[in-house]
Amino acid sequence: MTGVPSAQELSGLYDRTRAELDSPKPNHNAVKTQLSQLKIALHNAQVELDPRFQLTKRSILEMGAEFSIKTGDIAAFERYIAQLEVFYYDHKHGLADSKVMYPLVGLNLLRLLSENLIADFHTTLERIDLAQLQSNPYIVHPVKLEQALMEGSYKKVWQARAEVPTPEYLFFMDILMATIRNEVASCAEKSYSSLPFDDAKSVLFFTSMDELLRFAQERRWAVSPSEKRITFPSTAENTRMFQGETIMKQTLAYARELERIV
């Protein structure tokens, strides 16, 4: 594609890239190359006054955001979302709402939560229609998640992982759960000298013992298979009463309750 691309040429390249991304075994290198070609074509095209170009441009940016999630490129996802804001919140170029607008907006809300950007999270919420905040499942999910985080109810956060409206949400949910696990682990180290395997697995929201043991190895905890117990490194802080002990006991109680429910 050389010179200024026509709307038909741009749409054709988009369709080929979309087909590759949607194939059972997409070639990610090919998709990445074609996305680069599309971005160059968009730069060369006169898109401002042509609704056909604007629709294709929005679709290309949305596909780029989707591809970024599939490849785990958070920085690229953030850039695509920033470019999509003009279509989603501002003048929209006279286009009808996109079918993937709220799934992508919801994903971005999860990204903000996973990065602890709470102020940006609420700024984004302010730009969303009230009706969507209350009823759209792609938006309701991160809103409820943020409420659970503010309450310190990690059990609800864990349960929310099983309630994602689309599998793509699991990418940021897993990042968020990893952050929570590390916070709980740090608190456990200061609150207890050791924990039984089952309690540690529950309080850290692991589904298998192998996951717990790998995590213990990463944090250099002492593991006793015969006693089925994990011992935390001895520090000055965990030899006395730690303020987080109450929180830890509550979290452990919640985890045991969840085990009984499941």
C-alpha atoms as a PDB file:
ATOM      1  CA  MET A   1       0.000   0.000   0.000  1.00  0.00           C
ATOM      2  CA  THR A   2       1.668   3.207  -1.192  1.00  0.00           C
ATOM      3  CA  GLY A   3       0.649   6.855  -1.236  1.00  0.00           C
ATOM      4  CA  VAL A   4      -2.624   7.916   0.337  1.00  0.00           C
ATOM      5  CA  PRO A   5      -4.752   4.777   0.858  1.00  0.00           C
ATOM      6  CA  SER A   6      -8.378   4.743  -0.133  1.00  0.00           C
ATOM      7  CA  ALA A   7     -11.101   3.750   2.293  1.00  0.00           C
ATOM      8  CA  GLN A   8     -11.460   0.482   0.392  1.00  0.00           C
ATOM      9  CA  GLU A   9      -7.720  -0.336   0.650  1.00  0.00           C
ATOM     10  CA  LEU A  10      -7.653   0.463   4.339  1.00  0.00           C
ATOM     11  CA  SER A  11     -10.756  -1.633   4.971  1.00  0.00           C
ATOM     12  CA  GLY A  12      -9.288  -4.523   2.993  1.00  0.00           C
ATOM     13  CA  LEU A  13      -6.089  -4.597   5.054  1.00  0.00           C
ATOM     14  CA  TYR A  14      -8.147  -4.359   8.225  1.00  0.00           C
ATOM     15  CA  ASP A  15     -10.300  -7.325   7.148  1.00  0.00           C
ATOM     16  CA  ARG A  16      -7.218  -9.465   6.434  1.00  0.00           C
ATOM     17  CA  THR A  17      -5.701  -8.606   9.790  1.00  0.00           C
ATOM     18  CA  ARG A  18      -8.983  -9.267  11.564  1.00  0.00           C
ATOM     19  CA  ALA A  19      -9.288 -12.647   9.867  1.00  0.00           C
ATOM     20  CA  GLU A  20      -5.764 -13.604  10.953  1.00  0.00           C
ATOM     21  CA  LEU A  21      -6.392 -12.536  14.550  1.00  0.00           C
ATOM     22  CA  ASP A  22      -9.674 -14.487  14.654  1.00  0.00           C
ATOM     23  CA  SER A  23      -8.191 -17.657  13.161  1.00  0.00           C
ATOM     24  CA  PRO A  24      -7.871 -20.745  15.420  1.00  0.00           C
ATOM     25  CA  LYS A  25      -4.070 -20.381  15.506  1.00  0.00           C
ATOM     26  CA  PRO A  26      -3.303 -16.735  14.715  1.00  0.00           C
ATOM     27  CA  ASN A  27       0.197 -15.787  13.617  1.00  0.00           C
ATOM     28  CA  HIS A  28       0.973 -13.044  16.115  1.00  0.00           C
ATOM     29  CA  ASN A  29       4.002 -11.853  14.168  1.00  0.00           C
ATOM     30  CA  ALA A  30       1.858 -11.439  11.060  1.00  0.00           C
ATOM     31  CA  VAL A  31      -0.819  -9.586  13.011  1.00  0.00           C
ATOM     32  CA  LYS A  32       1.774  -7.287  14.553  1.00  0.00           C
ATOM     33  CA  THR A  33       3.253  -6.508  11.130  1.00  0.00           C
ATOM     34  CA  GLN A  34      -0.151  -5.828   9.610  1.00  0.00           C
ATOM     35  CA  LEU A  35      -1.141  -3.616  12.542  1.00  0.00           C
ATOM     36  CA  SER A  36       2.004  -1.563  11.931  1.00  0.00           C
ATOM     37  CA  GLN A  37       1.037  -1.241   8.271  1.00  0.00           C
ATOM     38  CA  LEU A  38      -2.448  -0.158   9.275  1.00  0.00           C
ATOM     39  CA  LYS A  39      -1.111   2.528  11.622  1.00  0.00           C
ATOM     40  CA  ILE A  40       1.130   3.890   8.873  1.00  0.00           C
ATOM     41  CA  ALA A  41      -1.803   3.861   6.463  1.00  0.00           C
ATOM     42  CA  LEU A  42      -3.937   5.724   9.002  1.00  0.00           C
ATOM     43  CA  HIS A  43      -1.230   8.351   9.371  1.00  0.00           C
ATOM     44  CA  ASN A  44      -1.122   8.859   5.600  1.00  0.00           C
ATOM     45  CA  ALA A  45      -4.890   8.822   5.096  1.00  0.00           C
ATOM     46  CA  GLN A  46      -7.052  11.922   5.264  1.00  0.00           C
ATOM     47  CA  VAL A  47      -9.442  10.590   7.895  1.00  0.00           C
ATOM     48  CA  GLU A  48     -10.758  13.646   9.669  1.00  0.00           C
ATOM     49  CA  LEU A  49     -13.759  14.418   7.441  1.00  0.00           C
ATOM     50  CA  ASP A  50     -14.685  10.968   6.134  1.00  0.00           C
ATOM     51  CA  PRO A  51     -16.963   8.837   8.371  1.00  0.00           C
ATOM     52  CA  ARG A  52     -15.865   5.676   6.527  1.00  0.00           C
ATOM     53  CA  PHE A  53     -12.267   6.283   7.494  1.00  0.00           C
ATOM     54  CA  GLN A  54     -13.269   7.140  11.049  1.00  0.00           C
ATOM     55  CA  LEU A  55     -15.177   3.886  11.432  1.00  0.00           C
ATOM     56  CA  THR A  56     -12.237   1.904  10.080  1.00  0.00           C
ATOM     57  CA  LYS A  57      -9.807   3.837  12.287  1.00  0.00           C
ATOM     58  CA  ARG A  58     -11.834   3.061  15.390  1.00  0.00           C
ATOM     59  CA  SER A  59     -12.023  -0.611  14.419  1.00  0.00           C
ATOM     60  CA  ILE A  60      -8.253  -0.733  13.862  1.00  0.00           C
ATOM     61  CA  LEU A  61      -7.555   0.821  17.268  1.00  0.00           C
ATOM     62  CA  GLU A  62      -9.966  -1.596  18.937  1.00  0.00           C
ATOM     63  CA  MET A  63      -8.303  -4.540  17.219  1.00  0.00           C
ATOM     64  CA  GLY A  64      -4.922  -3.244  18.395  1.00  0.00           C
ATOM     65  CA  ALA A  65      -6.189  -3.050  21.974  1.00  0.00           C
ATOM     66  CA  GLU A  66      -7.526  -6.595  21.734  1.00  0.00           C
ATOM     67  CA  PHE A  67      -4.245  -7.853  20.285  1.00  0.00           C
ATOM     68  CA  SER A  68      -2.327  -6.142  23.092  1.00  0.00           C
ATOM     69  CA  ILE A  69      -4.282  -8.115  25.682  1.00  0.00           C
ATOM     70  CA  LYS A  70      -3.699 -11.373  23.815  1.00  0.00           C
ATOM     71  CA  THR A  71       0.049 -10.728  23.780  1.00  0.00           C
ATOM     72  CA  GLY A  72       0.245  -9.286  27.301  1.00  0.00           C
ATOM     73  CA  ASP A  73       1.472  -5.875  26.138  1.00  0.00           C
ATOM     74  CA  ILE A  74      -0.030  -3.573  28.769  1.00  0.00           C
ATOM     75  CA  ALA A  75       1.785  -0.447  27.559  1.00  0.00           C
ATOM     76  CA  ALA A  76       0.422  -0.907  24.022  1.00  0.00           C
ATOM     77  CA  PHE A  77      -3.078  -1.523  25.402  1.00  0.00           C
ATOM     78  CA  GLU A  78      -2.883   1.737  27.329  1.00  0.00           C
ATOM     79  CA  ARG A  79      -1.835   3.621  24.182  1.00  0.00           C
ATOM     80  CA  TYR A  80      -4.681   2.183  22.120  1.00  0.00           C
ATOM     81  CA  ILE A  81      -7.232   3.028  24.825  1.00  0.00           C
ATOM     82  CA  ALA A  82      -5.922   6.602  24.974  1.00  0.00           C
ATOM     83  CA  GLN A  83      -6.502   6.959  21.223  1.00  0.00           C
ATOM     84  CA  LEU A  84      -9.962   5.425  21.490  1.00  0.00           C
ATOM     85  CA  GLU A  85     -11.148   7.931  24.077  1.00  0.00           C
ATOM     86  CA  VAL A  86     -11.987  10.482  21.401  1.00  0.00           C
ATOM     87  CA  PHE A  87     -14.383   7.938  19.860  1.00  0.00           C
ATOM     88  CA  TYR A  88     -15.836   6.777  23.154  1.00  0.00           C
ATOM     89  CA  TYR A  89     -16.230   9.934  25.188  1.00  0.00           C
ATOM     90  CA  ASP A  90     -15.803  13.024  23.048  1.00  0.00           C
ATOM     91  CA  HIS A  91     -17.474  13.898  19.746  1.00  0.00           C
ATOM     92  CA  LYS A  92     -17.395  10.274  18.463  1.00  0.00           C
ATOM     93  CA  HIS A  93     -17.146  11.523  14.846  1.00  0.00           C
ATOM     94  CA  GLY A  94     -20.861  10.928  14.388  1.00  0.00           C
ATOM     95  CA  LEU A  95     -20.479   7.166  14.788  1.00  0.00           C
ATOM     96  CA  ALA A  96     -22.811   4.871  16.681  1.00  0.00           C
ATOM     97  CA  ASP A  97     -21.413   3.254  19.820  1.00  0.00           C
ATOM     98  CA  SER A  98     -19.068   0.388  19.130  1.00  0.00           C
ATOM     99  CA  LYS A  99     -20.094  -3.113  20.213  1.00  0.00           C
ATOM    100  CA  VAL A 100     -16.716  -3.588  21.894  1.00  0.00           C
ATOM    101  CA  MET A 101     -16.600  -0.191  23.574  1.00  0.00           C
ATOM    102  CA  TYR A 102     -17.720  -1.315  27.030  1.00  0.00           C
ATOM    103  CA  PRO A 103     -15.697  -4.563  27.079  1.00  0.00           C
ATOM    104  CA  LEU A 104     -12.584  -2.472  26.341  1.00  0.00           C
ATOM    105  CA  VAL A 105     -13.531   0.266  28.800  1.00  0.00           C
ATOM    106  CA  GLY A 106     -14.095  -2.412  31.431  1.00  0.00           C
ATOM    107  CA  LEU A 107     -10.704  -3.943  30.664  1.00  0.00           C
ATOM    108  CA  ASN A 108      -9.105  -0.544  31.090  1.00  0.00           C
ATOM    109  CA  LEU A 109     -10.846  -0.113  34.451  1.00  0.00           C
ATOM    110  CA  LEU A 110      -9.350  -3.440  35.515  1.00  0.00           C
ATOM    111  CA  ARG A 111      -5.936  -2.273  34.331  1.00  0.00           C
ATOM    112  CA  LEU A 112      -6.232   0.825  36.494  1.00  0.00           C
ATOM    113  CA  LEU A 113      -7.189  -1.287  39.508  1.00  0.00           C
ATOM    114  CA  SER A 114      -4.328  -3.720  38.914  1.00  0.00           C
ATOM    115  CA  GLU A 115      -1.907  -0.761  38.847  1.00  0.00           C
ATOM    116  CA  ASN A 116      -3.546   0.846  41.906  1.00  0.00           C
ATOM    117  CA  LEU A 117      -4.444   3.963  39.891  1.00  0.00           C
ATOM    118  CA  ILE A 118      -7.597   4.612  41.886  1.00  0.00           C
ATOM    119  CA  ALA A 119      -7.897   8.315  41.000  1.00  0.00           C
ATOM    120  CA  ASP A 120      -7.725   7.500  37.278  1.00  0.00           C
ATOM    121  CA  PHE A 121     -10.251   4.713  37.852  1.00  0.00           C
ATOM    122  CA  HIS A 122     -12.790   7.168  39.262  1.00  0.00           C
ATOM    123  CA  THR A 123     -12.034   9.748  36.578  1.00  0.00           C
ATOM    124  CA  THR A 124     -12.894   7.122  33.963  1.00  0.00           C
ATOM    125  CA  LEU A 125     -16.100   6.216  35.792  1.00  0.00           C
ATOM    126  CA  GLU A 126     -17.186   9.847  35.654  1.00  0.00           C
ATOM    127  CA  ARG A 127     -17.153   9.687  31.844  1.00  0.00           C
ATOM    128  CA  ILE A 128     -19.465   6.674  31.668  1.00  0.00           C
ATOM    129  CA  ASP A 129     -23.242   7.024  31.478  1.00  0.00           C
ATOM    130  CA  LEU A 130     -25.000   6.308  34.768  1.00  0.00           C
ATOM    131  CA  ALA A 131     -27.213   3.657  33.153  1.00  0.00           C
ATOM    132  CA  GLN A 132     -24.122   1.777  31.976  1.00  0.00           C
ATOM    133  CA  LEU A 133     -22.517   2.052  35.412  1.00  0.00           C
ATOM    134  CA  GLN A 134     -25.543   0.403  36.959  1.00  0.00           C
ATOM    135  CA  SER A 135     -26.408  -2.280  34.419  1.00  0.00           C
ATOM    136  CA  ASN A 136     -23.636  -2.980  31.913  1.00  0.00           C
ATOM    137  CA  PRO A 137     -21.918  -6.220  33.034  1.00  0.00           C
ATOM    138  CA  TYR A 138     -18.571  -5.126  31.572  1.00  0.00           C
ATOM    139  CA  ILE A 139     -18.615  -2.035  33.800  1.00  0.00           C
ATOM    140  CA  VAL A 140     -20.429  -3.410  36.844  1.00  0.00           C
ATOM    141  CA  HIS A 141     -17.759  -6.083  37.313  1.00  0.00           C
ATOM    142  CA  PRO A 142     -14.788  -3.709  37.868  1.00  0.00           C
ATOM    143  CA  VAL A 143     -16.972  -1.342  39.904  1.00  0.00           C
ATOM    144  CA  LYS A 144     -17.877  -4.138  42.329  1.00  0.00           C
ATOM    145  CA  LEU A 145     -14.263  -5.249  42.343  1.00  0.00           C
ATOM    146  CA  GLU A 146     -13.083  -1.805  43.392  1.00  0.00           C
ATOM    147  CA  GLN A 147     -15.648  -1.768  46.193  1.00  0.00           C
ATOM    148  CA  ALA A 148     -14.351  -5.109  47.443  1.00  0.00           C
ATOM    149  CA  LEU A 149     -10.790  -3.822  47.389  1.00  0.00           C
ATOM    150  CA  MET A 150     -11.761  -0.729  49.359  1.00  0.00           C
ATOM    151  CA  GLU A 151     -13.452  -2.983  51.935  1.00  0.00           C
ATOM    152  CA  GLY A 152     -10.376  -5.190  52.117  1.00  0.00           C
ATOM    153  CA  SER A 153     -12.554  -8.170  51.227  1.00  0.00           C
ATOM    154  CA  TYR A 154     -10.089 -10.290  49.289  1.00  0.00           C
ATOM    155  CA  LYS A 155     -12.569 -13.156  49.312  1.00  0.00           C
ATOM    156  CA  LYS A 156     -14.916 -11.103  47.112  1.00  0.00           C
ATOM    157  CA  VAL A 157     -12.044 -10.222  44.800  1.00  0.00           C
ATOM    158  CA  TRP A 158     -11.198 -13.898  44.423  1.00  0.00           C
ATOM    159  CA  GLN A 159     -14.835 -14.771  43.767  1.00  0.00           C
ATOM    160  CA  ALA A 160     -15.014 -12.020  41.151  1.00  0.00           C
ATOM    161  CA  ARG A 161     -12.412 -13.906  39.124  1.00  0.00           C
ATOM    162  CA  ALA A 162     -15.010 -16.621  38.483  1.00  0.00           C
ATOM    163  CA  GLU A 163     -17.587 -14.006  37.456  1.00  0.00           C
ATOM    164  CA  VAL A 164     -15.733 -12.216  34.657  1.00  0.00           C
ATOM    165  CA  PRO A 165     -18.035 -11.195  31.776  1.00  0.00           C
ATOM    166  CA  THR A 166     -15.437 -12.218  29.183  1.00  0.00           C
ATOM    167  CA  PRO A 167     -12.265 -14.374  29.379  1.00  0.00           C
ATOM    168  CA  GLU A 168     -10.062 -11.405  28.448  1.00  0.00           C
ATOM    169  CA  TYR A 169     -10.750  -9.967  31.905  1.00  0.00           C
ATOM    170  CA  LEU A 170      -8.741 -12.813  33.460  1.00  0.00           C
ATOM    171  CA  PHE A 171      -5.504 -11.203  32.251  1.00  0.00           C
ATOM    172  CA  PHE A 172      -5.821  -8.237  34.607  1.00  0.00           C
ATOM    173  CA  MET A 173      -7.619 -10.270  37.284  1.00  0.00           C
ATOM    174  CA  ASP A 174      -4.578 -12.540  37.556  1.00  0.00           C
ATOM    175  CA  ILE A 175      -2.277  -9.526  37.844  1.00  0.00           C
ATOM    176  CA  LEU A 176      -4.506  -8.122  40.590  1.00  0.00           C
ATOM    177  CA  MET A 177      -4.605 -11.461  42.440  1.00  0.00           C
ATOM    178  CA  ALA A 178      -0.813 -11.708  42.247  1.00  0.00           C
ATOM    179  CA  THR A 179      -0.557  -8.293  43.887  1.00  0.00           C
ATOM    180  CA  ILE A 180      -3.023  -9.317  46.598  1.00  0.00           C
ATOM    181  CA  ARG A 181      -1.150 -12.559  47.264  1.00  0.00           C
ATOM    182  CA  ASN A 182       2.091 -10.696  47.776  1.00  0.00           C
ATOM    183  CA  GLU A 183       0.401  -8.257  50.154  1.00  0.00           C
ATOM    184  CA  VAL A 184      -1.208 -11.092  52.139  1.00  0.00           C
ATOM    185  CA  ALA A 185       2.088 -12.994  52.151  1.00  0.00           C
ATOM    186  CA  SER A 186       3.949  -9.978  53.557  1.00  0.00           C
ATOM    187  CA  CYS A 187       1.311  -9.600  56.234  1.00  0.00           C
ATOM    188  CA  ALA A 188       1.487 -13.331  57.070  1.00  0.00           C
ATOM    189  CA  GLU A 189       5.247 -13.142  57.466  1.00  0.00           C
ATOM    190  CA  LYS A 190       4.811 -10.406  60.080  1.00  0.00           C
ATOM    191  CA  SER A 191       1.836 -11.996  61.822  1.00  0.00           C
ATOM    192  CA  TYR A 192       2.803 -15.669  62.134  1.00  0.00           C
ATOM    193  CA  SER A 193       5.929 -17.742  62.517  1.00  0.00           C
ATOM    194  CA  SER A 194       4.372 -20.526  60.427  1.00  0.00           C
ATOM    195  CA  LEU A 195       1.143 -21.799  58.886  1.00  0.00           C
ATOM    196  CA  PRO A 196      -0.147 -25.268  57.951  1.00  0.00           C
ATOM    197  CA  PHE A 197      -0.179 -26.021  54.226  1.00  0.00           C
ATOM    198  CA  ASP A 198      -3.971 -25.977  54.000  1.00  0.00           C
ATOM    199  CA  ASP A 199      -4.314 -22.643  55.780  1.00  0.00           C
ATOM    200  CA  ALA A 200      -1.579 -21.055  53.673  1.00  0.00           C
ATOM    201  CA  LYS A 201      -3.170 -22.351  50.475  1.00  0.00           C
ATOM    202  CA  SER A 202      -6.548 -20.977  51.499  1.00  0.00           C
ATOM    203  CA  VAL A 203      -5.400 -17.575  52.710  1.00  0.00           C
ATOM    204  CA  LEU A 204      -3.372 -17.054  49.512  1.00  0.00           C
ATOM    205  CA  PHE A 205      -6.255 -18.225  47.309  1.00  0.00           C
ATOM    206  CA  PHE A 206      -4.359 -20.986  45.560  1.00  0.00           C
ATOM    207  CA  THR A 207      -6.276 -23.852  43.989  1.00  0.00           C
ATOM    208  CA  SER A 208      -3.511 -26.445  44.206  1.00  0.00           C
ATOM    209  CA  MET A 209      -0.680 -27.367  46.543  1.00  0.00           C
ATOM    210  CA  ASP A 210       1.836 -27.135  43.686  1.00  0.00           C
ATOM    211  CA  GLU A 211       0.971 -23.452  43.260  1.00  0.00           C
ATOM    212  CA  LEU A 212       1.525 -22.843  46.962  1.00  0.00           C
ATOM    213  CA  LEU A 213       4.876 -24.639  47.001  1.00  0.00           C
ATOM    214  CA  ARG A 214       6.136 -22.700  43.967  1.00  0.00           C
ATOM    215  CA  PHE A 215       5.084 -19.455  45.638  1.00  0.00           C
ATOM    216  CA  ALA A 216       6.804 -20.505  48.872  1.00  0.00           C
ATOM    217  CA  GLN A 217       9.989 -21.194  46.954  1.00  0.00           C
ATOM    218  CA  GLU A 218       9.828 -17.763  45.295  1.00  0.00           C
ATOM    219  CA  ARG A 219       9.534 -16.096  48.710  1.00  0.00           C
ATOM    220  CA  ARG A 220      12.171 -18.401  50.231  1.00  0.00           C
ATOM    221  CA  TRP A 221       9.897 -19.837  52.880  1.00  0.00           C
ATOM    222  CA  ALA A 222      10.941 -22.991  54.683  1.00  0.00           C
ATOM    223  CA  VAL A 223       8.734 -25.926  53.718  1.00  0.00           C
ATOM    224  CA  SER A 224       8.307 -29.045  55.869  1.00  0.00           C
ATOM    225  CA  PRO A 225       6.522 -31.819  53.936  1.00  0.00           C
ATOM    226  CA  SER A 226       6.503 -34.096  56.995  1.00  0.00           C
ATOM    227  CA  GLU A 227       4.779 -31.478  59.166  1.00  0.00           C
ATOM    228  CA  LYS A 228       2.825 -30.052  56.225  1.00  0.00           C
ATOM    229  CA  ARG A 229       3.767 -26.598  57.401  1.00  0.00           C
ATOM    230  CA  ILE A 230       5.392 -23.470  56.012  1.00  0.00           C
ATOM    231  CA  THR A 231       7.722 -21.486  58.253  1.00  0.00           C
ATOM    232  CA  PHE A 232       8.326 -17.826  57.577  1.00  0.00           C
ATOM    233  CA  PRO A 233      11.697 -16.093  57.950  1.00  0.00           C
ATOM    234  CA  SER A 234      12.249 -14.881  61.487  1.00  0.00           C
ATOM    235  CA  THR A 235      12.224 -11.086  61.836  1.00  0.00           C
ATOM    236  CA  ALA A 236      12.015  -8.651  64.685  1.00  0.00           C
ATOM    237  CA  GLU A 237       8.503  -7.710  63.654  1.00  0.00           C
ATOM    238  CA  ASN A 238       6.963 -11.169  63.830  1.00  0.00           C
ATOM    239  CA  THR A 239       8.289 -11.783  67.335  1.00  0.00           C
ATOM    240  CA  ARG A 240       5.790  -9.315  68.737  1.00  0.00           C
ATOM    241  CA  MET A 241       2.140  -8.454  68.124  1.00  0.00           C
ATOM    242  CA  PHE A 242       1.752  -7.005  64.648  1.00  0.00           C
ATOM    243  CA  GLN A 243      -1.126  -4.717  63.744  1.00  0.00           C
ATOM    244  CA  GLY A 244      -1.900  -6.800  60.661  1.00  0.00           C
ATOM    245  CA  GLU A 245      -2.530  -9.939  62.700  1.00  0.00           C
ATOM    246  CA  THR A 246      -6.213  -9.136  63.115  1.00  0.00           C
ATOM    247  CA  ILE A 247      -6.548  -8.619  59.365  1.00  0.00           C
ATOM    248  CA  MET A 248      -4.729 -11.878  58.730  1.00  0.00           C
ATOM    249  CA  LYS A 249      -7.001 -13.804  61.067  1.00  0.00           C
ATOM    250  CA  GLN A 250     -10.069 -12.330  59.363  1.00  0.00           C
ATOM    251  CA  THR A 251      -8.676 -13.170  55.936  1.00  0.00           C
ATOM    252  CA  LEU A 252      -7.884 -16.703  57.058  1.00  0.00           C
ATOM    253  CA  ALA A 253     -11.404 -17.106  58.431  1.00  0.00           C
ATOM    254  CA  TYR A 254     -12.862 -15.870  55.143  1.00  0.00           C
ATOM    255  CA  ALA A 255     -10.679 -18.294  53.201  1.00  0.00           C
ATOM    256  CA  ARG A 256     -11.760 -21.238  55.341  1.00  0.00           C
ATOM    257  CA  GLU A 257     -15.391 -20.215  54.895  1.00  0.00           C
ATOM    258  CA  LEU A 258     -14.892 -20.097  51.149  1.00  0.00           C
ATOM    259  CA  GLU A 259     -13.334 -23.581  51.235  1.00  0.00           C
ATOM    260  CA  ARG A 260     -16.462 -24.903  52.928  1.00  0.00           C
ATOM    261  CA  ILE A 261     -18.733 -23.203  50.398  1.00  0.00           C
ATOM    262  CA  VAL A 262     -16.779 -24.556  47.438  1.00  0.00           C
END
